[in-house]
Amino acid sequence: MVLAYAHQDSGDEEAALLALQIPELDLNRAFSFSPRLFAAYADVLESVGRYDDARRWRNQVPVAERALGAGHYEEPDILDFDDDEDEDGSSVPRISDLLGDAEAKEKRAQ
């Protein structure tokens, strides 16, 4: 993708297209990098005026994200900083536990 954008920045759109046409560029398969690859390919297709093809690849971005559980479909990391105990009876870490006492005092002072 970096090479494709370098070609695109230098005005060589055809070289950019060729750089992205790798075996993993497949509408029916999703790799961890597929959403970015599909979007990059759509960008280059659009820049050469192939709008219908670009729309098809851009529409695959959320499909790949959903299949991978990435992007808008990614489960957020949730940290709970209250005084309650976890379900297993262990204590939830406090900010002072994570930062150390001196840093926590400094953060509170700000």
Protein backbone atom coordinates (compact mmCIF):
# COMPACT_ATOMS: atom_id res chain seq x y z
CA MET A 1 0.00 0.00 0.00
CA VAL A 2 2.86 2.36 0.78
CA LEU A 3 4.37 1.73 -2.66
CA ALA A 4 1.00 2.34 -4.31
CA TYR A 5 0.60 5.68 -2.53
CA ALA A 6 4.16 6.63 -3.51
CA HIS A 7 3.33 5.91 -7.17
CA GLN A 8 0.08 7.82 -6.83
CA ASP A 9 1.87 10.82 -5.28
CA SER A 10 4.27 10.86 -8.22
CA GLY A 11 1.33 10.80 -10.64
CA ASP A 12 1.78 7.22 -11.87
CA GLU A 13 -1.73 5.89 -11.26
CA GLU A 14 -1.23 2.74 -13.36
CA ALA A 15 1.80 1.72 -11.30
CA ALA A 16 -0.25 2.37 -8.16
CA LEU A 17 -2.97 0.01 -9.44
CA LEU A 18 -0.40 -2.67 -10.26
CA ALA A 19 1.24 -2.36 -6.83
CA LEU A 20 -2.11 -3.10 -5.16
CA GLN A 21 -3.05 -6.03 -7.38
CA ILE A 22 -1.64 -8.70 -5.11
CA PRO A 23 -3.11 -12.20 -4.58
CA GLU A 24 -4.70 -11.06 -1.31
CA LEU A 25 -6.79 -8.45 -3.18
CA ASP A 26 -9.83 -10.70 -3.25
CA LEU A 27 -13.45 -9.66 -2.74
CA ASN A 28 -14.24 -13.08 -1.24
CA ARG A 29 -11.45 -13.27 1.37
CA ALA A 30 -10.55 -11.10 4.34
CA PHE A 31 -7.08 -10.75 5.80
CA SER A 32 -6.27 -8.45 8.71
CA PHE A 33 -5.18 -5.76 6.25
CA SER A 34 -8.02 -6.25 3.74
CA PRO A 35 -10.13 -3.24 4.80
CA ARG A 36 -7.16 -0.89 4.26
CA LEU A 37 -6.19 -2.67 1.03
CA PHE A 38 -9.74 -2.46 -0.33
CA ALA A 39 -9.97 1.24 0.55
CA ALA A 40 -6.58 1.99 -1.00
CA TYR A 41 -7.54 0.13 -4.18
CA ALA A 42 -10.85 2.01 -4.32
CA ASP A 43 -8.98 5.32 -3.95
CA VAL A 44 -6.69 4.55 -6.87
CA LEU A 45 -9.53 3.22 -9.03
CA GLU A 46 -11.44 6.43 -8.36
CA SER A 47 -8.42 8.54 -9.28
CA VAL A 48 -8.28 6.89 -12.72
CA GLY A 49 -12.01 7.39 -13.26
CA ARG A 50 -13.16 3.81 -12.65
CA TYR A 51 -15.96 4.89 -10.33
CA ASP A 52 -18.11 1.75 -10.54
CA ASP A 53 -15.15 -0.49 -9.70
CA ALA A 54 -14.12 1.88 -6.91
CA ARG A 55 -17.62 1.76 -5.41
CA ARG A 56 -17.59 -2.05 -5.49
CA TRP A 57 -14.28 -2.22 -3.60
CA ARG A 58 -15.26 0.54 -1.16
CA ASN A 59 -18.47 -1.36 -0.37
CA GLN A 60 -16.35 -4.36 0.61
CA VAL A 61 -14.52 -2.43 3.35
CA PRO A 62 -17.32 -2.77 5.95
CA VAL A 63 -17.95 -6.36 4.84
CA ALA A 64 -14.31 -7.24 5.56
CA GLU A 65 -14.37 -5.28 8.83
CA ARG A 66 -17.44 -7.16 9.96
CA ALA A 67 -15.92 -10.54 9.02
CA LEU A 68 -12.75 -9.65 10.94
CA GLY A 69 -14.45 -7.98 13.90
CA ALA A 70 -12.48 -4.83 13.09
CA GLY A 71 -13.23 -1.15 12.53
CA HIS A 72 -16.80 -0.30 13.54
CA TYR A 73 -17.35 -3.96 14.46
CA GLU A 74 -14.43 -4.18 16.89
CA GLU A 75 -15.25 -4.87 20.52
CA PRO A 76 -14.05 -1.94 22.62
CA ASP A 77 -11.63 -2.41 25.51
CA ILE A 78 -13.46 -1.36 28.65
CA LEU A 79 -11.60 -0.41 31.80
CA ASP A 80 -13.66 -0.01 34.93
CA PHE A 81 -12.05 2.24 37.56
CA ASP A 82 -14.47 1.97 40.46
CA ASP A 83 -14.09 0.65 43.99
CA ASP A 84 -16.08 -2.52 43.39
CA GLU A 85 -14.61 -5.96 43.07
CA ASP A 86 -14.65 -7.95 39.85
CA GLU A 87 -16.99 -10.90 39.49
CA ASP A 88 -14.21 -13.24 40.57
CA GLY A 89 -13.68 -11.31 43.82
CA SER A 90 -10.45 -9.58 42.79
CA SER A 91 -10.09 -5.82 43.09
CA VAL A 92 -10.18 -3.59 40.05
CA PRO A 93 -6.92 -1.63 39.69
CA ARG A 94 -6.98 2.02 40.72
CA ILE A 95 -5.27 4.83 38.85
CA SER A 96 -2.68 5.03 41.64
CA ASP A 97 -1.95 1.32 41.17
CA LEU A 98 -1.30 1.87 37.48
CA LEU A 99 0.63 5.15 37.66
CA GLY A 100 2.36 4.88 41.01
CA ASP A 101 1.65 7.12 43.99
CA ALA A 102 3.79 10.12 42.95
CA GLU A 103 2.34 10.29 39.43
CA ALA A 104 -1.21 9.81 40.72
CA LYS A 105 -0.81 12.74 43.15
CA GLU A 106 0.56 14.88 40.34
CA LYS A 107 -2.39 13.94 38.09
CA ARG A 108 -4.89 14.79 40.83
CA ALA A 109 -3.19 18.17 41.37
CA GLN A 110 -3.68 19.11 37.71
